[in-house]
Amino acid sequence: MSVHTYSSRNFTRDVGAAKRAAAEGPVFITDRGRPAFALLKIEDYYRLAGQQEASLLEVMEAIPGGAGIEFDPPRLKVEFGAADLG
């Protein structure tokens, strides 16, 4: 795992490069030469925080003001048949 450091200015200029670097290890973003922020892959964050990755349902339930919203999706009717391989 490698650690990368970007100044705030360089981070702002090329966020994509910082994201690619974060795939290899943490990226420290500095302000006036001192570390101010850390950019991590979400899997690394969850591991450090001792959490599992949130499910879609958990993310939706965490939306502020979302309480009381009714959602009743229609059921799909899927029929499977034999595959024609030749």
C-alpha atoms as a PDB file:
ATOM      1  CA  MET A   1       0.000   0.000   0.000  1.00  0.00           C
ATOM      2  CA  SER A   2       1.410   3.360  -0.983  1.00  0.00           C
ATOM      3  CA  VAL A   3       0.555   6.721   0.543  1.00  0.00           C
ATOM      4  CA  HIS A   4       0.187   9.786  -1.666  1.00  0.00           C
ATOM      5  CA  THR A   5       0.084  13.452  -0.759  1.00  0.00           C
ATOM      6  CA  TYR A   6      -1.607  16.239  -2.724  1.00  0.00           C
ATOM      7  CA  SER A   7      -1.708  19.919  -1.931  1.00  0.00           C
ATOM      8  CA  SER A   8      -5.211  21.399  -1.871  1.00  0.00           C
ATOM      9  CA  ARG A   9      -4.421  23.198  -5.109  1.00  0.00           C
ATOM     10  CA  ASN A  10      -3.237  20.055  -6.917  1.00  0.00           C
ATOM     11  CA  PHE A  11      -6.190  18.086  -5.581  1.00  0.00           C
ATOM     12  CA  THR A  12      -8.587  20.702  -6.938  1.00  0.00           C
ATOM     13  CA  ARG A  13      -6.867  20.693 -10.326  1.00  0.00           C
ATOM     14  CA  ASP A  14      -6.991  16.912 -10.767  1.00  0.00           C
ATOM     15  CA  VAL A  15      -9.464  15.125  -8.524  1.00  0.00           C
ATOM     16  CA  GLY A  16      -9.381  12.135 -10.869  1.00  0.00           C
ATOM     17  CA  ALA A  17      -5.662  11.594 -10.255  1.00  0.00           C
ATOM     18  CA  ALA A  18      -6.259  11.669  -6.500  1.00  0.00           C
ATOM     19  CA  LYS A  19      -9.063   9.111  -6.837  1.00  0.00           C
ATOM     20  CA  ARG A  20      -6.810   6.826  -8.876  1.00  0.00           C
ATOM     21  CA  ALA A  21      -4.075   7.203  -6.251  1.00  0.00           C
ATOM     22  CA  ALA A  22      -6.580   6.347  -3.503  1.00  0.00           C
ATOM     23  CA  ALA A  23      -7.087   2.972  -5.182  1.00  0.00           C
ATOM     24  CA  GLU A  24      -3.476   2.184  -4.175  1.00  0.00           C
ATOM     25  CA  GLY A  25      -3.647   3.578  -0.644  1.00  0.00           C
ATOM     26  CA  PRO A  26      -4.641   6.640   1.383  1.00  0.00           C
ATOM     27  CA  VAL A  27      -4.247  10.105  -0.102  1.00  0.00           C
ATOM     28  CA  PHE A  28      -3.438  12.978   2.235  1.00  0.00           C
ATOM     29  CA  ILE A  29      -4.587  16.420   1.142  1.00  0.00           C
ATOM     30  CA  THR A  30      -2.597  19.234   2.664  1.00  0.00           C
ATOM     31  CA  ASP A  31      -3.454  22.816   3.545  1.00  0.00           C
ATOM     32  CA  ARG A  32      -0.415  25.066   3.830  1.00  0.00           C
ATOM     33  CA  GLY A  33       1.837  22.011   3.934  1.00  0.00           C
ATOM     34  CA  ARG A  34       0.025  20.257   6.772  1.00  0.00           C
ATOM     35  CA  PRO A  35      -2.252  17.217   6.347  1.00  0.00           C
ATOM     36  CA  ALA A  36      -5.867  18.372   6.537  1.00  0.00           C
ATOM     37  CA  PHE A  37      -7.903  15.584   4.910  1.00  0.00           C
ATOM     38  CA  ALA A  38      -7.576  11.934   3.952  1.00  0.00           C
ATOM     39  CA  LEU A  39      -9.120  10.318   0.878  1.00  0.00           C
ATOM     40  CA  LEU A  40      -9.810   6.583   1.160  1.00  0.00           C
ATOM     41  CA  LYS A  41     -11.590   3.888  -0.804  1.00  0.00           C
ATOM     42  CA  ILE A  42     -14.991   3.352   0.765  1.00  0.00           C
ATOM     43  CA  GLU A  43     -14.090  -0.255   1.593  1.00  0.00           C
ATOM     44  CA  ASP A  44     -11.071   0.980   3.566  1.00  0.00           C
ATOM     45  CA  TYR A  45     -13.215   3.521   5.402  1.00  0.00           C
ATOM     46  CA  TYR A  46     -15.766   0.886   6.420  1.00  0.00           C
ATOM     47  CA  ARG A  47     -12.962  -1.416   7.568  1.00  0.00           C
ATOM     48  CA  LEU A  48     -11.377   1.352   9.680  1.00  0.00           C
ATOM     49  CA  ALA A  49     -14.744   2.377  11.111  1.00  0.00           C
ATOM     50  CA  GLY A  50     -15.582  -1.230  11.947  1.00  0.00           C
ATOM     51  CA  GLN A  51     -18.712  -1.093   9.812  1.00  0.00           C
ATOM     52  CA  GLN A  52     -20.042  -3.190   7.009  1.00  0.00           C
ATOM     53  CA  GLU A  53     -20.905  -1.550   3.721  1.00  0.00           C
ATOM     54  CA  ALA A  54     -24.359   0.005   3.976  1.00  0.00           C
ATOM     55  CA  SER A  55     -27.178  -1.648   2.085  1.00  0.00           C
ATOM     56  CA  LEU A  56     -29.364   0.331  -0.299  1.00  0.00           C
ATOM     57  CA  LEU A  57     -32.204   0.106   2.215  1.00  0.00           C
ATOM     58  CA  GLU A  58     -30.024   1.552   4.988  1.00  0.00           C
ATOM     59  CA  VAL A  59     -28.916   4.402   2.731  1.00  0.00           C
ATOM     60  CA  MET A  60     -32.510   5.183   1.764  1.00  0.00           C
ATOM     61  CA  GLU A  61     -33.671   5.077   5.396  1.00  0.00           C
ATOM     62  CA  ALA A  62     -30.944   7.576   6.319  1.00  0.00           C
ATOM     63  CA  ILE A  63     -32.237  10.260   3.892  1.00  0.00           C
ATOM     64  CA  PRO A  64     -33.404  13.255   5.959  1.00  0.00           C
ATOM     65  CA  GLY A  65     -37.122  13.924   5.579  1.00  0.00           C
ATOM     66  CA  GLY A  66     -37.727  10.534   4.006  1.00  0.00           C
ATOM     67  CA  ALA A  67     -39.944   9.210   6.773  1.00  0.00           C
ATOM     68  CA  GLY A  68     -43.474   8.470   5.727  1.00  0.00           C
ATOM     69  CA  ILE A  69     -42.758   8.122   2.013  1.00  0.00           C
ATOM     70  CA  GLU A  70     -44.780   5.241   0.653  1.00  0.00           C
ATOM     71  CA  PHE A  71     -43.108   3.067  -1.956  1.00  0.00           C
ATOM     72  CA  ASP A  72     -44.873   0.041  -3.351  1.00  0.00           C
ATOM     73  CA  PRO A  73     -42.998  -1.120  -6.460  1.00  0.00           C
ATOM     74  CA  PRO A  74     -44.878  -3.304  -8.922  1.00  0.00           C
ATOM     75  CA  ARG A  75     -44.029  -7.005  -8.949  1.00  0.00           C
ATOM     76  CA  LEU A  76     -42.203  -8.290 -12.004  1.00  0.00           C
ATOM     77  CA  LYS A  77     -43.608 -11.339 -13.732  1.00  0.00           C
ATOM     78  CA  VAL A  78     -40.637 -13.180 -15.213  1.00  0.00           C
ATOM     79  CA  GLU A  79     -40.971 -16.445 -17.049  1.00  0.00           C
ATOM     80  CA  PHE A  80     -37.971 -18.576 -17.871  1.00  0.00           C
ATOM     81  CA  GLY A  81     -37.860 -20.961 -20.779  1.00  0.00           C
ATOM     82  CA  ALA A  82     -35.422 -23.443 -22.195  1.00  0.00           C
ATOM     83  CA  ALA A  83     -32.386 -21.946 -23.901  1.00  0.00           C
ATOM     84  CA  ASP A  84     -31.964 -22.509 -27.632  1.00  0.00           C
ATOM     85  CA  LEU A  85     -28.244 -23.258 -28.022  1.00  0.00           C
ATOM     86  CA  GLY A  86     -28.125 -24.287 -31.561  1.00  0.00           C
END
